[in-house]
N, C-alpha and C. Protein backbone atom coordinates (compact mmCIF):
# COMPACT_ATOMS: atom_id res chain seq x y z
N MET A 1 -16.89 -14.30 -1.72
CA MET A 1 -17.34 -14.94 -3.13
C MET A 1 -17.98 -13.92 -4.17
N ARG A 2 -18.84 -13.16 -3.49
CA ARG A 2 -19.93 -12.38 -4.42
C ARG A 2 -18.65 -11.02 -4.66
N LYS A 3 -18.00 -10.84 -3.98
CA LYS A 3 -17.20 -9.54 -4.29
C LYS A 3 -16.08 -9.71 -5.37
N ALA A 4 -15.59 -11.39 -5.32
CA ALA A 4 -14.54 -11.86 -6.15
C ALA A 4 -15.41 -11.87 -7.91
N ILE A 5 -16.57 -12.39 -7.69
CA ILE A 5 -17.64 -12.51 -8.98
C ILE A 5 -17.91 -11.09 -9.52
N LEU A 6 -18.25 -9.96 -8.72
CA LEU A 6 -18.24 -8.60 -8.94
C LEU A 6 -16.88 -8.12 -9.81
N LEU A 7 -16.08 -8.10 -9.18
CA LEU A 7 -14.24 -7.59 -9.76
C LEU A 7 -14.38 -8.74 -11.01
N PHE A 8 -14.62 -9.72 -11.19
CA PHE A 8 -14.26 -10.29 -12.46
C PHE A 8 -15.42 -9.92 -13.71
N MET A 9 -16.37 -9.65 -13.38
CA MET A 9 -17.33 -8.97 -14.18
C MET A 9 -16.86 -7.58 -14.58
N MET A 10 -16.22 -6.71 -13.70
CA MET A 10 -15.78 -5.53 -13.97
C MET A 10 -14.66 -5.85 -14.78
N MET A 11 -13.57 -6.69 -14.77
CA MET A 11 -12.38 -6.96 -15.48
C MET A 11 -12.78 -7.49 -16.88
N LEU A 12 -13.92 -7.99 -17.23
CA LEU A 12 -14.26 -8.42 -18.45
C LEU A 12 -14.14 -7.37 -19.40
N VAL A 13 -14.80 -6.32 -19.06
CA VAL A 13 -14.79 -5.07 -20.17
C VAL A 13 -13.45 -4.89 -20.90
N PRO A 14 -11.96 -4.26 -19.94
CA PRO A 14 -10.95 -4.27 -20.24
C PRO A 14 -10.37 -5.39 -21.03
N VAL A 15 -10.70 -6.64 -20.80
CA VAL A 15 -9.94 -7.97 -21.27
C VAL A 15 -11.05 -8.66 -22.10
N ALA A 16 -11.92 -8.08 -22.85
CA ALA A 16 -12.89 -8.63 -23.83
C ALA A 16 -12.19 -8.76 -25.13
N PRO A 17 -12.76 -9.91 -25.52
CA PRO A 17 -12.15 -10.50 -26.89
C PRO A 17 -11.84 -9.45 -27.65
N GLY A 18 -10.70 -9.40 -28.56
CA GLY A 18 -10.43 -8.60 -29.53
C GLY A 18 -9.34 -7.40 -28.82
N THR A 19 -9.48 -7.25 -27.54
CA THR A 19 -8.28 -6.47 -27.06
C THR A 19 -7.11 -6.70 -27.02
N TRP A 20 -6.81 -8.05 -27.40
CA TRP A 20 -5.34 -8.35 -27.17
C TRP A 20 -4.79 -9.13 -28.53
N ALA A 21 -3.37 -9.23 -28.48
CA ALA A 21 -2.69 -9.75 -29.50
C ALA A 21 -3.17 -11.05 -30.21
N GLN A 22 -3.34 -12.17 -29.07
CA GLN A 22 -3.46 -13.54 -29.55
C GLN A 22 -4.94 -13.54 -30.53
N LYS A 23 -4.74 -14.32 -31.58
CA LYS A 23 -5.63 -14.57 -32.49
C LYS A 23 -6.45 -16.00 -32.38
N HIS A 24 -6.01 -16.84 -31.77
CA HIS A 24 -6.47 -17.82 -31.53
C HIS A 24 -6.40 -18.50 -30.06
N ALA A 25 -7.05 -19.42 -29.52
CA ALA A 25 -7.32 -19.76 -28.08
C ALA A 25 -6.07 -20.90 -27.94
N PRO A 26 -5.39 -21.06 -26.72
CA PRO A 26 -4.23 -22.11 -26.74
C PRO A 26 -5.17 -23.32 -26.67
N THR A 27 -4.56 -24.42 -26.98
CA THR A 27 -5.21 -25.57 -27.15
C THR A 27 -5.77 -26.16 -25.52
N GLU A 28 -6.79 -26.86 -25.77
CA GLU A 28 -7.54 -27.46 -24.49
C GLU A 28 -6.42 -27.66 -23.31
N ALA A 29 -5.36 -28.78 -23.81
CA ALA A 29 -4.47 -29.02 -22.77
C ALA A 29 -3.78 -27.91 -22.20
N GLN A 30 -3.22 -27.04 -22.94
CA GLN A 30 -2.63 -25.84 -22.74
C GLN A 30 -3.41 -25.02 -21.58
N CYS A 31 -4.71 -24.77 -21.72
CA CYS A 31 -5.53 -24.33 -20.83
C CYS A 31 -5.60 -24.70 -19.69
N ASP A 32 -5.74 -25.94 -19.71
CA ASP A 32 -5.92 -26.90 -18.33
C ASP A 32 -4.76 -26.82 -17.63
N ALA A 33 -3.45 -26.73 -18.09
CA ALA A 33 -2.02 -26.99 -17.67
C ALA A 33 -1.86 -25.59 -17.03
N ASP A 34 -2.19 -24.39 -17.80
CA ASP A 34 -2.15 -23.08 -17.21
C ASP A 34 -3.00 -22.91 -16.16
N ALA A 35 -4.24 -23.05 -16.32
CA ALA A 35 -5.21 -22.82 -14.99
C ALA A 35 -4.69 -23.56 -13.84
N ARG A 36 -4.01 -24.95 -13.99
CA ARG A 36 -3.77 -25.47 -12.93
C ARG A 36 -2.60 -24.68 -12.08
N ALA A 37 -1.64 -24.40 -12.90
CA ALA A 37 -0.52 -23.77 -12.38
C ALA A 37 -0.89 -22.64 -11.89
N TRP A 38 -1.45 -21.71 -12.60
CA TRP A 38 -1.81 -20.30 -12.24
C TRP A 38 -3.03 -20.15 -11.27
N GLY A 39 -3.27 -21.44 -10.71
CA GLY A 39 -4.28 -21.15 -9.52
C GLY A 39 -3.81 -21.54 -8.23
N GLU A 40 -2.54 -21.49 -8.17
CA GLU A 40 -1.71 -21.69 -7.05
C GLU A 40 -1.30 -20.28 -6.45
N LYS A 41 -1.76 -20.02 -5.07
CA LYS A 41 -1.36 -18.85 -4.67
C LYS A 41 0.15 -18.47 -4.37
N ALA A 42 0.75 -19.52 -4.26
CA ALA A 42 2.51 -19.15 -4.16
C ALA A 42 2.87 -18.78 -5.45
N ASP A 43 2.23 -19.29 -6.67
CA ASP A 43 2.60 -18.76 -7.92
C ASP A 43 2.26 -17.42 -8.08
N ILE A 44 0.73 -17.09 -7.82
CA ILE A 44 0.23 -15.82 -7.97
C ILE A 44 0.83 -14.62 -7.19
N ASP A 45 1.46 -14.90 -6.33
CA ASP A 45 1.96 -13.98 -5.36
C ASP A 45 3.49 -13.56 -5.74
N THR A 46 4.03 -14.34 -6.80
CA THR A 46 5.53 -13.92 -7.40
C THR A 46 4.99 -13.17 -8.89
N GLN A 47 4.02 -13.08 -9.29
CA GLN A 47 3.89 -12.28 -10.59
C GLN A 47 3.29 -10.74 -10.28
N ASN A 48 3.79 -10.14 -11.20
CA ASN A 48 3.05 -8.84 -11.20
C ASN A 48 1.96 -8.61 -11.79
N VAL A 49 1.40 -7.45 -11.40
CA VAL A 49 -0.12 -7.16 -11.92
C VAL A 49 -0.24 -7.23 -13.52
N ASP A 50 0.84 -6.71 -14.37
CA ASP A 50 0.68 -7.02 -15.85
C ASP A 50 0.59 -8.42 -16.28
N GLU A 51 1.37 -9.32 -15.54
CA GLU A 51 1.60 -10.39 -15.78
C GLU A 51 0.30 -11.35 -15.39
N LEU A 52 -0.26 -10.82 -14.25
CA LEU A 52 -1.88 -11.46 -13.92
C LEU A 52 -2.84 -11.36 -14.93
N LYS A 53 -2.72 -9.90 -15.42
CA LYS A 53 -3.78 -9.57 -16.35
C LYS A 53 -3.65 -10.20 -17.66
N LEU A 54 -2.73 -10.46 -18.04
CA LEU A 54 -2.24 -11.14 -19.02
C LEU A 54 -2.93 -12.79 -19.03
N ARG A 55 -2.41 -13.03 -17.84
CA ARG A 55 -2.97 -14.55 -17.57
C ARG A 55 -4.79 -14.57 -17.29
N ILE A 56 -5.26 -13.64 -16.79
CA ILE A 56 -6.81 -13.53 -16.76
C ILE A 56 -7.25 -13.41 -18.34
N GLU A 57 -6.58 -12.84 -19.09
CA GLU A 57 -6.97 -12.83 -20.56
C GLU A 57 -7.08 -13.92 -21.13
N GLU A 58 -6.18 -14.91 -20.96
CA GLU A 58 -6.04 -16.19 -21.48
C GLU A 58 -7.05 -17.07 -21.18
N LEU A 59 -7.04 -17.06 -19.55
CA LEU A 59 -8.21 -17.66 -19.09
C LEU A 59 -9.58 -17.55 -19.45
N ILE A 60 -9.90 -16.30 -20.01
CA ILE A 60 -11.08 -15.78 -20.30
C ILE A 60 -11.47 -16.53 -21.63
N VAL A 61 -10.11 -16.41 -22.62
CA VAL A 61 -10.21 -16.95 -24.04
C VAL A 61 -10.52 -18.63 -23.59
N CYS A 62 -9.92 -19.13 -22.84
CA CYS A 62 -10.12 -20.60 -22.56
C CYS A 62 -11.57 -20.79 -22.03
N LYS A 63 -11.83 -20.38 -21.31
CA LYS A 63 -13.14 -20.47 -20.78
C LYS A 63 -14.35 -20.35 -21.72
N ASP A 64 -14.18 -19.27 -22.50
CA ASP A 64 -15.26 -19.02 -23.74
C ASP A 64 -15.15 -20.03 -24.70
N THR A 65 -13.84 -20.81 -25.02
CA THR A 65 -13.54 -21.74 -26.13
C THR A 65 -13.86 -23.06 -25.51
N TYR A 66 -13.48 -23.54 -24.40
CA TYR A 66 -13.49 -24.84 -23.69
C TYR A 66 -14.68 -25.02 -22.80
N ARG A 67 -15.88 -25.26 -22.89
CA ARG A 67 -16.81 -24.95 -21.95
C ARG A 67 -16.68 -26.06 -20.84
N GLN A 68 -16.07 -27.17 -21.04
CA GLN A 68 -15.83 -28.25 -20.01
C GLN A 68 -15.21 -28.27 -19.05
N GLY A 69 -13.91 -27.10 -19.21
CA GLY A 69 -12.96 -26.69 -18.20
C GLY A 69 -13.40 -25.51 -17.73
N GLU A 70 -14.64 -24.76 -17.90
CA GLU A 70 -15.00 -23.62 -17.80
C GLU A 70 -14.77 -23.13 -15.95
N SER A 71 -15.32 -23.98 -15.13
CA SER A 71 -14.93 -23.67 -13.60
C SER A 71 -13.83 -23.73 -13.42
N LEU A 72 -12.72 -24.48 -13.92
CA LEU A 72 -11.14 -24.69 -13.74
C LEU A 72 -10.75 -23.13 -14.03
N TYR A 73 -10.74 -22.85 -15.25
CA TYR A 73 -10.36 -21.60 -15.82
C TYR A 73 -11.12 -20.17 -14.94
N PHE A 74 -12.26 -20.53 -14.50
CA PHE A 74 -12.89 -19.31 -14.01
C PHE A 74 -12.18 -19.06 -12.49
N LEU A 75 -12.30 -20.35 -11.91
CA LEU A 75 -11.54 -20.22 -10.47
C LEU A 75 -10.25 -19.64 -10.29
N ALA A 76 -9.16 -20.01 -11.35
CA ALA A 76 -7.85 -19.49 -11.43
C ALA A 76 -7.95 -18.02 -12.09
N ALA A 77 -8.83 -17.74 -12.65
CA ALA A 77 -9.05 -16.15 -13.11
C ALA A 77 -9.61 -15.21 -11.64
N ILE A 78 -10.30 -16.00 -11.10
CA ILE A 78 -10.71 -15.23 -9.85
C ILE A 78 -9.46 -15.21 -8.79
N MET A 79 -8.68 -16.10 -8.97
CA MET A 79 -7.63 -16.02 -7.89
C MET A 79 -6.67 -15.14 -8.24
N SER A 80 -6.28 -14.57 -9.62
CA SER A 80 -5.45 -13.53 -9.79
C SER A 80 -6.13 -12.62 -9.61
N LEU A 81 -7.47 -12.40 -9.92
CA LEU A 81 -8.26 -11.16 -9.66
C LEU A 81 -8.30 -10.74 -8.34
N GLY A 82 -8.42 -11.41 -7.53
CA GLY A 82 -8.44 -11.43 -6.03
C GLY A 82 -7.12 -11.06 -5.41
N SER A 83 -6.03 -11.53 -6.20
CA SER A 83 -4.46 -10.99 -5.73
C SER A 83 -4.51 -9.45 -6.31
N ILE A 84 -5.09 -9.16 -7.30
CA ILE A 84 -4.90 -7.60 -7.94
C ILE A 84 -5.86 -6.76 -6.76
N GLN A 85 -7.00 -7.18 -6.40
CA GLN A 85 -7.61 -6.37 -5.71
C GLN A 85 -7.08 -6.19 -4.14
N ASP A 86 -6.54 -7.26 -3.78
CA ASP A 86 -5.75 -7.16 -2.50
C ASP A 86 -4.62 -6.14 -2.60
N ARG A 87 -3.82 -6.23 -3.71
CA ARG A 87 -2.67 -5.21 -4.09
C ARG A 87 -3.27 -3.74 -4.05
N GLU A 88 -4.20 -3.65 -4.87
CA GLU A 88 -4.68 -2.18 -4.92
C GLU A 88 -5.47 -1.69 -3.56
N GLU A 89 -6.04 -2.72 -2.92
CA GLU A 89 -6.46 -2.37 -1.39
C GLU A 89 -5.26 -1.96 -0.71
N ASN A 90 -4.03 -2.62 -0.48
CA ASN A 90 -2.81 -2.38 0.16
C ASN A 90 -2.29 -1.35 -0.22
N PHE A 91 -2.36 -0.98 -1.66
CA PHE A 91 -1.59 0.51 -1.90
C PHE A 91 -2.39 1.62 -1.55
N ILE A 92 -3.80 1.49 -1.59
CA ILE A 92 -4.47 2.50 -1.14
C ILE A 92 -4.44 2.89 0.37
N ASN A 93 -4.22 1.73 1.29
CA ASN A 93 -4.07 1.94 2.51
C ASN A 93 -2.79 2.46 2.95
N ARG A 94 -1.64 1.78 2.24
CA ARG A 94 -0.08 2.17 2.53
C ARG A 94 0.16 3.65 2.24
N HIS A 95 -0.72 4.08 1.37
CA HIS A 95 -0.68 5.69 0.89
C HIS A 95 -1.66 6.52 1.50
N GLY A 96 -2.36 5.98 2.37
CA GLY A 96 -3.47 6.87 3.02
C GLY A 96 -4.55 7.58 2.04
N LEU A 97 -5.06 6.57 1.26
CA LEU A 97 -5.59 7.31 0.28
C LEU A 97 -7.33 6.88 0.16
N TYR A 98 -7.42 6.00 1.43
CA TYR A 98 -8.99 5.55 1.39
C TYR A 98 -9.91 6.53 1.74
N GLY A 99 -9.32 7.57 2.52
CA GLY A 99 -10.39 8.50 2.76
C GLY A 99 -10.56 9.49 1.58
N GLN A 100 -9.69 9.80 0.81
CA GLN A 100 -10.03 10.32 -0.78
C GLN A 100 -10.84 9.57 -1.33
N PHE A 101 -10.79 8.41 -1.57
CA PHE A 101 -11.57 7.28 -2.14
C PHE A 101 -12.88 7.44 -1.89
N GLN A 102 -13.07 7.23 -0.58
CA GLN A 102 -14.68 7.25 0.03
C GLN A 102 -15.25 8.88 -0.36
N ASP A 103 -14.35 9.75 -0.19
CA ASP A 103 -14.95 11.39 -0.44
C ASP A 103 -15.26 11.31 -1.99
N GLU A 104 -14.51 10.96 -2.53
CA GLU A 104 -14.81 11.11 -4.05
C GLU A 104 -16.00 9.87 -4.55
N ASP A 105 -16.21 8.94 -3.89
CA ASP A 105 -17.32 7.85 -4.13
C ASP A 105 -18.77 8.73 -3.78
N ARG A 106 -18.48 9.42 -2.69
CA ARG A 106 -20.02 9.98 -2.07
C ARG A 106 -20.28 10.84 -3.06
N HIS A 107 -19.10 11.41 -3.62
CA HIS A 107 -19.48 12.59 -4.37
C HIS A 107 -19.78 12.21 -6.08
N GLY A 108 -19.96 10.73 -6.24
CA GLY A 108 -20.30 10.36 -7.56
C GLY A 108 -19.04 10.08 -8.52
N LYS A 109 -18.11 10.06 -7.88
CA LYS A 109 -16.77 9.99 -8.89
C LYS A 109 -16.45 8.55 -8.99
N ARG A 110 -16.75 8.07 -9.98
CA ARG A 110 -16.90 6.50 -10.29
C ARG A 110 -16.04 6.37 -11.61
């Protein structure tokens, strides 16, 4: 869970308010419905990374706008972020890039 929270915090920068075209938050009812639907692993697994990032952006707007549903929106966003992280790790492993990642990290390339 700690890893997921850290990943979520890192993702806030690229999806900070003002970086997407949506000018207003969806209704609270829409936020609730989306978070419930998007928090299902079966649904998350069918979406590409671009769609997951769009969903995360909306969920952050919902979280910031409707504090009452904050934990629901946060959990759905964390699940999507976790899926992205798993896919990135699988890609790195599939292409044998983990050693290069470690080497660069040891040399301060972050």
